[in-house]
Amino acid sequence: PDTGAQTTAIKFLDKLSSIWLDPEKSPQVDASLRQAFVHLLLEKASVASIRATGLPNFNAQDYECFECLERICGFHLTLKAHLGQQWLNYLAEKTLPAVSCPSYLAIEYATEVSKDVTGKQLRDVFQRLFLDGGH
């Protein structure tokens, strides 16, 4: 995969999410459009962010992949900050199972996302659970 492009896409999506999900930052976005954006984030973007780590040649030992993984985890934290429990439930019940993740790992990752962690800390958890043989 082109991890540079993936990293850029995740950075853009994360920034867009930070703006569009915050009514104070984007008062011009009406509620129905904001809800459609939430639907897109939950149904498509969250699954794609996880699937990106399973693409051929994605190696978390490679610096670009490592940076991309940190951005993905930062995106997950942005979703938690703006969507709260809705995102955590969706992550454990829909997003991770959609990529064939066992429920016990989905629950463990969602629990870690719910904590007060940084993108780097969450990246290390993600790597341990999903890339280093935990899954």
C-alpha atoms as a PDB file:
ATOM      1  CA  PRO A   1       0.000   0.000   0.000  1.00  0.00           C
ATOM      2  CA  ASP A   2       0.978   3.604  -0.389  1.00  0.00           C
ATOM      3  CA  THR A   3       1.303   4.341   3.308  1.00  0.00           C
ATOM      4  CA  GLY A   4       2.148   7.986   2.650  1.00  0.00           C
ATOM      5  CA  ALA A   5      -1.208   8.432   0.915  1.00  0.00           C
ATOM      6  CA  GLN A   6      -2.967   6.456   3.659  1.00  0.00           C
ATOM      7  CA  THR A   7      -1.408   8.639   6.342  1.00  0.00           C
ATOM      8  CA  THR A   8      -2.452  11.795   4.487  1.00  0.00           C
ATOM      9  CA  ALA A   9      -6.001  10.482   4.061  1.00  0.00           C
ATOM     10  CA  ILE A  10      -6.280   9.612   7.763  1.00  0.00           C
ATOM     11  CA  LYS A  11      -4.880  13.021   8.787  1.00  0.00           C
ATOM     12  CA  PHE A  12      -7.441  14.728   6.549  1.00  0.00           C
ATOM     13  CA  LEU A  13     -10.303  12.579   7.826  1.00  0.00           C
ATOM     14  CA  ASP A  14      -9.240  13.163  11.428  1.00  0.00           C
ATOM     15  CA  LYS A  15      -9.128  16.943  10.927  1.00  0.00           C
ATOM     16  CA  LEU A  16     -12.444  16.961   9.078  1.00  0.00           C
ATOM     17  CA  SER A  17     -13.989  14.884  11.869  1.00  0.00           C
ATOM     18  CA  SER A  18     -12.684  17.273  14.510  1.00  0.00           C
ATOM     19  CA  ILE A  19     -14.363  20.166  12.742  1.00  0.00           C
ATOM     20  CA  TRP A  20     -17.604  18.635  11.506  1.00  0.00           C
ATOM     21  CA  LEU A  21     -18.404  16.753  14.698  1.00  0.00           C
ATOM     22  CA  ASP A  22     -18.036  19.880  16.807  1.00  0.00           C
ATOM     23  CA  PRO A  23     -21.080  22.158  16.349  1.00  0.00           C
ATOM     24  CA  GLU A  24     -19.112  25.110  17.723  1.00  0.00           C
ATOM     25  CA  LYS A  25     -16.465  24.731  14.999  1.00  0.00           C
ATOM     26  CA  SER A  26     -18.989  24.145  12.230  1.00  0.00           C
ATOM     27  CA  PRO A  27     -22.270  25.861  13.078  1.00  0.00           C
ATOM     28  CA  GLN A  28     -23.161  26.049   9.379  1.00  0.00           C
ATOM     29  CA  VAL A  29     -23.497  22.242   9.165  1.00  0.00           C
ATOM     30  CA  ASP A  30     -27.098  21.269   9.785  1.00  0.00           C
ATOM     31  CA  ALA A  31     -28.001  18.320  11.986  1.00  0.00           C
ATOM     32  CA  SER A  32     -29.050  15.999   9.152  1.00  0.00           C
ATOM     33  CA  LEU A  33     -25.783  16.550   7.275  1.00  0.00           C
ATOM     34  CA  ARG A  34     -23.793  16.042  10.476  1.00  0.00           C
ATOM     35  CA  GLN A  35     -25.704  12.794  11.103  1.00  0.00           C
ATOM     36  CA  ALA A  36     -24.950  11.614   7.556  1.00  0.00           C
ATOM     37  CA  PHE A  37     -21.263  12.333   8.208  1.00  0.00           C
ATOM     38  CA  VAL A  38     -21.398  10.321  11.455  1.00  0.00           C
ATOM     39  CA  HIS A  39     -22.965   7.464   9.497  1.00  0.00           C
ATOM     40  CA  LEU A  40     -20.129   7.634   6.935  1.00  0.00           C
ATOM     41  CA  LEU A  41     -17.534   7.625   9.706  1.00  0.00           C
ATOM     42  CA  LEU A  42     -19.078   4.660  11.493  1.00  0.00           C
ATOM     43  CA  GLU A  43     -20.058   2.551   8.486  1.00  0.00           C
ATOM     44  CA  LYS A  44     -17.138   3.173   6.148  1.00  0.00           C
ATOM     45  CA  ALA A  45     -14.211   5.160   7.513  1.00  0.00           C
ATOM     46  CA  SER A  46     -13.792   3.279  10.788  1.00  0.00           C
ATOM     47  CA  VAL A  47     -13.737  -0.098   9.025  1.00  0.00           C
ATOM     48  CA  ALA A  48     -11.377   1.204   6.320  1.00  0.00           C
ATOM     49  CA  SER A  49      -9.015   2.535   8.990  1.00  0.00           C
ATOM     50  CA  ILE A  50      -8.696  -0.942  10.505  1.00  0.00           C
ATOM     51  CA  ARG A  51      -8.494  -2.721   7.143  1.00  0.00           C
ATOM     52  CA  ALA A  52      -5.606  -0.475   6.098  1.00  0.00           C
ATOM     53  CA  THR A  53      -3.400  -2.218   8.646  1.00  0.00           C
ATOM     54  CA  GLY A  54      -4.079  -5.598   7.026  1.00  0.00           C
ATOM     55  CA  LEU A  55      -3.146  -4.630   3.480  1.00  0.00           C
ATOM     56  CA  PRO A  56      -0.208  -6.365   1.802  1.00  0.00           C
ATOM     57  CA  ASN A  57       3.136  -4.854   2.734  1.00  0.00           C
ATOM     58  CA  PHE A  58       1.747  -3.048   5.802  1.00  0.00           C
ATOM     59  CA  ASN A  59       4.523  -3.658   8.281  1.00  0.00           C
ATOM     60  CA  ALA A  60       4.345  -1.811  11.581  1.00  0.00           C
ATOM     61  CA  GLN A  61       8.129  -2.057  11.833  1.00  0.00           C
ATOM     62  CA  ASP A  62       8.410   0.240   8.806  1.00  0.00           C
ATOM     63  CA  TYR A  63       8.496   3.897   9.850  1.00  0.00           C
ATOM     64  CA  GLU A  64       5.818   5.053   7.392  1.00  0.00           C
ATOM     65  CA  CYS A  65       3.476   2.246   8.453  1.00  0.00           C
ATOM     66  CA  PHE A  66       4.227   2.964  12.102  1.00  0.00           C
ATOM     67  CA  GLU A  67       3.316   6.634  11.568  1.00  0.00           C
ATOM     68  CA  CYS A  68       0.166   5.635   9.672  1.00  0.00           C
ATOM     69  CA  LEU A  69      -0.844   3.340  12.525  1.00  0.00           C
ATOM     70  CA  GLU A  70      -0.397   6.170  15.018  1.00  0.00           C
ATOM     71  CA  ARG A  71      -2.613   8.413  12.860  1.00  0.00           C
ATOM     72  CA  ILE A  72      -5.263   5.674  12.665  1.00  0.00           C
ATOM     73  CA  CYS A  73      -5.278   5.388  16.442  1.00  0.00           C
ATOM     74  CA  GLY A  74      -5.453   9.176  16.739  1.00  0.00           C
ATOM     75  CA  PHE A  75      -8.491   9.086  14.445  1.00  0.00           C
ATOM     76  CA  HIS A  76     -10.095   6.518  16.748  1.00  0.00           C
ATOM     77  CA  LEU A  77      -9.463   8.844  19.693  1.00  0.00           C
ATOM     78  CA  THR A  78     -11.017  11.763  17.795  1.00  0.00           C
ATOM     79  CA  LEU A  79     -14.130   9.670  17.200  1.00  0.00           C
ATOM     80  CA  LYS A  80     -14.218   8.813  20.904  1.00  0.00           C
ATOM     81  CA  ALA A  81     -13.861  12.475  21.854  1.00  0.00           C
ATOM     82  CA  HIS A  82     -16.811  13.510  19.688  1.00  0.00           C
ATOM     83  CA  LEU A  83     -19.061  10.446  19.627  1.00  0.00           C
ATOM     84  CA  GLY A  84     -18.292   8.951  23.027  1.00  0.00           C
ATOM     85  CA  GLN A  85     -20.043   5.734  23.945  1.00  0.00           C
ATOM     86  CA  GLN A  86     -21.745   5.535  20.546  1.00  0.00           C
ATOM     87  CA  TRP A  87     -18.325   5.118  18.926  1.00  0.00           C
ATOM     88  CA  LEU A  88     -16.999   2.722  21.559  1.00  0.00           C
ATOM     89  CA  ASN A  89     -20.037   0.456  21.190  1.00  0.00           C
ATOM     90  CA  TYR A  90     -19.841   0.590  17.414  1.00  0.00           C
ATOM     91  CA  LEU A  91     -16.116  -0.160  17.487  1.00  0.00           C
ATOM     92  CA  ALA A  92     -16.549  -3.265  19.654  1.00  0.00           C
ATOM     93  CA  GLU A  93     -19.800  -4.515  18.145  1.00  0.00           C
ATOM     94  CA  LYS A  94     -19.511  -3.633  14.443  1.00  0.00           C
ATOM     95  CA  THR A  95     -16.198  -2.185  13.235  1.00  0.00           C
ATOM     96  CA  LEU A  96     -13.793  -4.773  14.599  1.00  0.00           C
ATOM     97  CA  PRO A  97     -16.073  -7.779  13.980  1.00  0.00           C
ATOM     98  CA  ALA A  98     -16.392  -6.563  10.354  1.00  0.00           C
ATOM     99  CA  VAL A  99     -12.690  -7.310   9.940  1.00  0.00           C
ATOM    100  CA  SER A 100     -12.957 -10.735  11.603  1.00  0.00           C
ATOM    101  CA  CYS A 101     -11.676  -9.609  14.974  1.00  0.00           C
ATOM    102  CA  PRO A 102     -12.570 -11.921  17.867  1.00  0.00           C
ATOM    103  CA  SER A 103     -14.980 -10.306  20.311  1.00  0.00           C
ATOM    104  CA  TYR A 104     -12.573 -10.491  23.261  1.00  0.00           C
ATOM    105  CA  LEU A 105      -9.970  -8.453  21.331  1.00  0.00           C
ATOM    106  CA  ALA A 106     -12.632  -6.015  20.114  1.00  0.00           C
ATOM    107  CA  ILE A 107     -13.750  -5.416  23.686  1.00  0.00           C
ATOM    108  CA  GLU A 108     -10.164  -5.056  24.904  1.00  0.00           C
ATOM    109  CA  TYR A 109      -9.314  -2.507  22.204  1.00  0.00           C
ATOM    110  CA  ALA A 110     -12.531  -0.525  22.760  1.00  0.00           C
ATOM    111  CA  THR A 111     -11.738  -0.480  26.485  1.00  0.00           C
ATOM    112  CA  GLU A 112      -8.281   0.922  25.747  1.00  0.00           C
ATOM    113  CA  VAL A 113      -9.766   3.560  23.419  1.00  0.00           C
ATOM    114  CA  SER A 114     -12.118   4.606  26.222  1.00  0.00           C
ATOM    115  CA  LYS A 115      -9.193   5.440  28.504  1.00  0.00           C
ATOM    116  CA  ASP A 116      -7.301   8.719  28.664  1.00  0.00           C
ATOM    117  CA  VAL A 117      -4.500   7.651  26.309  1.00  0.00           C
ATOM    118  CA  THR A 118      -2.459   9.296  23.576  1.00  0.00           C
ATOM    119  CA  GLY A 119      -2.308   8.194  19.961  1.00  0.00           C
ATOM    120  CA  LYS A 120       1.158   6.735  20.608  1.00  0.00           C
ATOM    121  CA  GLN A 121      -0.056   4.710  23.578  1.00  0.00           C
ATOM    122  CA  LEU A 122      -3.049   3.435  21.642  1.00  0.00           C
ATOM    123  CA  ARG A 123      -0.803   2.612  18.681  1.00  0.00           C
ATOM    124  CA  ASP A 124       1.261   0.349  20.939  1.00  0.00           C
ATOM    125  CA  VAL A 125      -1.907  -1.384  22.174  1.00  0.00           C
ATOM    126  CA  PHE A 126      -3.207  -1.815  18.614  1.00  0.00           C
ATOM    127  CA  GLN A 127       0.116  -3.258  17.502  1.00  0.00           C
ATOM    128  CA  ARG A 128       0.217  -5.693  20.422  1.00  0.00           C
ATOM    129  CA  LEU A 129      -3.372  -6.849  19.956  1.00  0.00           C
ATOM    130  CA  PHE A 130      -3.656  -7.001  16.180  1.00  0.00           C
ATOM    131  CA  LEU A 131      -0.256  -6.968  14.510  1.00  0.00           C
ATOM    132  CA  ASP A 132       2.087  -8.841  16.823  1.00  0.00           C
ATOM    133  CA  GLY A 133       0.107 -12.048  16.906  1.00  0.00           C
ATOM    134  CA  GLY A 134      -2.682 -11.142  19.331  1.00  0.00           C
ATOM    135  CA  HIS A 135      -5.166 -11.585  16.481  1.00  0.00           C
END
